[in-house]
Amino acid sequence: MAPKGKVGTKGKKQIHEENKETLSFYLRIILGATVLYGAITLGVFYQSSTFWSWVTLVFSGVIYAVAYRSMRGMAHATFSEDGSLVDGGIDLNMEQGMAEHLKDVVLLTAIVQVLSCFSLYIWYFWMLAPGRALYLLWVNVLGPWFSTESSSAAPQEQNEKRQRRQERRQMKRF
């Protein structure tokens, strides 16, 4: 059963604590996937590892670094001189935020990286990330921009309606 009433808001301290937990969780995912990939692909199957095994390791490392640093920058807390929390940073667990997309990229990269221990063709699934980015770009920016009607048509229509209304009022007076 859904709770009734207004949705509760989080305080600065709670946001700060949850952000620390979220960052440590995703750091563990990043390190776990990278160590597992390195141990299996570059350790156990070293003889069959290719140049592309190293390229995908570097690629995933760059993706992880950019996403994690962005999340850490969003969650950066500000403290006053006496040590009290002034700002807890942006809530990383907020729905429909940029942090949600960054977390999705980290999870997609980790899943693809671990599964690619068996076949490098799994990396083609990473194309889901740019596909999703293009979809969000179309839905949120380009689609509404292309589908809006010209702004001059709406005011003209309103002016015509006003003029007809005024004419009817004048006709009623006479």
Protein backbone atom coordinates (compact mmCIF):
# COMPACT_ATOMS: atom_id res chain seq x y z
CA MET A 1 0.00 0.00 0.00
CA ALA A 2 1.37 3.40 -1.01
CA PRO A 3 2.03 5.87 1.79
CA LYS A 4 -0.43 8.72 2.05
CA GLY A 5 0.50 12.35 2.14
CA LYS A 6 3.55 14.25 1.10
CA VAL A 7 6.78 12.48 0.25
CA GLY A 8 9.36 13.07 2.95
CA THR A 9 12.47 15.04 2.18
CA LYS A 10 15.98 14.06 3.13
CA GLY A 11 18.24 16.17 5.27
CA LYS A 12 21.76 17.23 4.33
CA LYS A 13 23.35 14.74 6.69
CA GLN A 14 21.25 11.82 5.41
CA ILE A 15 22.08 12.71 1.78
CA HIS A 16 25.78 12.91 2.67
CA GLU A 17 25.75 9.49 4.38
CA GLU A 18 23.78 7.83 1.58
CA ASN A 19 26.12 9.34 -1.01
CA LYS A 20 29.15 7.90 0.81
CA GLU A 21 27.48 4.46 0.87
CA THR A 22 26.53 4.71 -2.82
CA LEU A 23 30.04 5.72 -3.85
CA SER A 24 31.63 2.91 -1.86
CA PHE A 25 29.15 0.40 -3.34
CA TYR A 26 29.96 1.42 -6.92
CA LEU A 27 33.69 1.49 -6.18
CA ARG A 28 33.42 -2.12 -5.00
CA ILE A 29 31.56 -3.03 -8.19
CA ILE A 30 34.22 -1.34 -10.32
CA LEU A 31 37.12 -2.99 -8.51
CA GLY A 32 35.42 -6.40 -8.40
CA ALA A 33 34.62 -6.43 -12.13
CA THR A 34 38.09 -5.22 -13.09
CA VAL A 35 39.89 -7.71 -10.83
CA LEU A 36 37.70 -10.56 -12.05
CA TYR A 37 38.29 -9.61 -15.68
CA GLY A 38 42.02 -9.27 -15.12
CA ALA A 39 42.27 -12.56 -13.23
CA ILE A 40 40.33 -14.60 -15.77
CA THR A 41 41.17 -12.99 -19.11
CA LEU A 42 44.70 -11.80 -18.48
CA GLY A 43 45.62 -14.38 -15.85
CA VAL A 44 44.02 -17.74 -16.57
CA PHE A 45 43.63 -17.29 -20.33
CA TYR A 46 46.80 -15.26 -20.84
CA GLN A 47 47.91 -17.37 -23.79
CA SER A 48 44.72 -16.63 -25.71
CA SER A 49 44.38 -12.97 -24.70
CA THR A 50 44.80 -10.54 -27.55
CA PHE A 51 45.43 -6.88 -28.11
CA TRP A 52 41.67 -6.34 -27.87
CA SER A 53 41.62 -7.77 -24.36
CA TRP A 54 43.90 -4.98 -23.27
CA VAL A 55 41.96 -2.37 -25.27
CA THR A 56 38.71 -3.35 -23.57
CA LEU A 57 40.42 -3.21 -20.16
CA VAL A 58 41.64 0.32 -20.85
CA PHE A 59 38.25 1.32 -22.30
CA SER A 60 36.38 0.08 -19.26
CA GLY A 61 38.91 1.78 -16.98
CA VAL A 62 38.32 5.11 -18.72
CA ILE A 63 34.54 4.68 -18.50
CA TYR A 64 34.76 3.77 -14.82
CA ALA A 65 37.05 6.72 -14.05
CA VAL A 66 34.87 9.28 -15.81
CA ALA A 67 31.61 7.99 -14.31
CA TYR A 68 32.98 7.58 -10.78
CA ARG A 69 34.69 10.98 -10.75
CA SER A 70 31.49 12.60 -12.02
CA MET A 71 29.45 10.94 -9.29
CA ARG A 72 32.04 11.89 -6.67
CA GLY A 73 31.97 15.49 -7.91
CA MET A 74 28.18 15.58 -7.65
CA ALA A 75 28.26 14.16 -4.14
CA HIS A 76 30.95 16.57 -2.94
CA ALA A 77 29.97 17.82 0.50
CA THR A 78 30.81 21.27 1.82
CA PHE A 79 31.79 21.75 5.44
CA SER A 80 32.10 24.97 7.42
CA GLU A 81 35.24 25.96 9.30
CA ASP A 82 33.92 24.46 12.52
CA GLY A 83 33.36 21.12 10.79
CA SER A 84 29.59 21.21 10.48
CA LEU A 85 27.95 20.11 7.25
CA VAL A 86 26.86 23.04 5.11
CA ASP A 87 25.84 21.16 1.95
CA GLY A 88 25.56 17.40 1.49
CA GLY A 89 25.95 17.55 -2.28
CA ILE A 90 23.53 16.30 -4.92
CA ASP A 91 21.54 13.22 -3.94
CA LEU A 92 23.01 10.35 -5.98
CA ASN A 93 19.98 8.16 -5.25
CA MET A 94 17.50 10.65 -6.69
CA GLU A 95 15.33 9.25 -9.46
CA GLN A 96 15.55 10.81 -12.92
CA GLY A 97 18.86 12.48 -12.20
CA MET A 98 22.18 12.47 -14.04
CA ALA A 99 23.67 10.25 -11.34
CA GLU A 100 21.13 7.55 -12.24
CA HIS A 101 22.46 7.47 -15.80
CA LEU A 102 26.06 7.36 -14.57
CA LYS A 103 25.23 4.44 -12.28
CA ASP A 104 23.59 2.66 -15.24
CA VAL A 105 26.76 3.14 -17.30
CA VAL A 106 28.91 1.71 -14.49
CA LEU A 107 26.63 -1.30 -14.10
CA LEU A 108 26.42 -1.92 -17.86
CA THR A 109 30.21 -1.71 -18.17
CA ALA A 110 30.74 -4.06 -15.21
CA ILE A 111 28.28 -6.64 -16.56
CA VAL A 112 29.75 -6.50 -20.05
CA GLN A 113 33.29 -6.64 -18.69
CA VAL A 114 32.65 -9.74 -16.58
CA LEU A 115 30.73 -11.52 -19.34
CA SER A 116 33.44 -10.68 -21.85
CA CYS A 117 35.74 -13.09 -20.02
CA PHE A 118 34.05 -15.74 -22.15
CA SER A 119 33.87 -13.86 -25.46
CA LEU A 120 34.96 -10.42 -26.61
CA TYR A 121 31.84 -10.22 -28.77
CA ILE A 122 29.92 -9.42 -25.58
CA TRP A 123 31.38 -5.91 -25.82
CA TYR A 124 28.86 -5.19 -28.59
CA PHE A 125 26.24 -5.00 -25.84
CA TRP A 126 27.98 -1.85 -24.66
CA MET A 127 26.42 -0.16 -27.69
CA LEU A 128 23.28 0.00 -25.56
CA ALA A 129 24.78 2.99 -23.74
CA PRO A 130 25.10 5.33 -26.76
CA GLY A 131 21.74 4.05 -27.99
CA ARG A 132 20.11 5.01 -24.71
CA ALA A 133 21.87 8.39 -24.78
CA LEU A 134 20.53 9.08 -28.27
CA TYR A 135 17.05 8.00 -27.18
CA LEU A 136 17.12 10.36 -24.17
CA LEU A 137 18.47 13.16 -26.36
CA TRP A 138 15.60 12.67 -28.80
CA VAL A 139 12.86 12.34 -26.17
CA ASN A 140 13.99 15.21 -23.94
CA VAL A 141 15.60 17.69 -26.33
CA LEU A 142 15.29 17.13 -30.06
CA GLY A 143 11.81 15.61 -30.29
CA PRO A 144 10.02 18.39 -28.43
CA TRP A 145 12.05 20.98 -30.31
CA PHE A 146 11.11 19.55 -33.72
CA SER A 147 7.48 18.87 -32.86
CA THR A 148 6.56 22.29 -31.47
CA GLU A 149 4.30 24.36 -33.67
CA SER A 150 5.41 27.78 -34.73
CA SER A 151 4.93 30.28 -31.95
CA SER A 152 3.33 32.85 -34.27
CA ALA A 153 0.30 30.64 -35.03
CA ALA A 154 -0.88 30.36 -31.43
CA PRO A 155 -1.01 34.11 -30.67
CA GLN A 156 -2.83 34.78 -33.98
CA GLU A 157 -5.45 32.21 -33.09
CA GLN A 158 -5.91 33.77 -29.67
CA ASN A 159 -6.22 37.23 -31.18
CA GLU A 160 -8.91 35.99 -33.59
CA LYS A 161 -10.85 34.43 -30.72
CA ARG A 162 -10.61 37.63 -28.70
CA GLN A 163 -11.78 39.69 -31.63
CA ARG A 164 -14.82 37.41 -32.21
CA ARG A 165 -15.64 37.51 -28.50
CA GLN A 166 -15.49 41.31 -28.47
CA GLU A 167 -17.70 41.46 -31.57
CA ARG A 168 -20.29 39.21 -29.87
CA ARG A 169 -20.25 41.40 -26.77
CA GLN A 170 -20.79 44.51 -28.85
CA MET A 171 -23.65 42.83 -30.72
CA LYS A 172 -25.31 41.96 -27.40
CA ARG A 173 -25.12 45.58 -26.24
CA PHE A 174 -27.00 46.86 -29.28
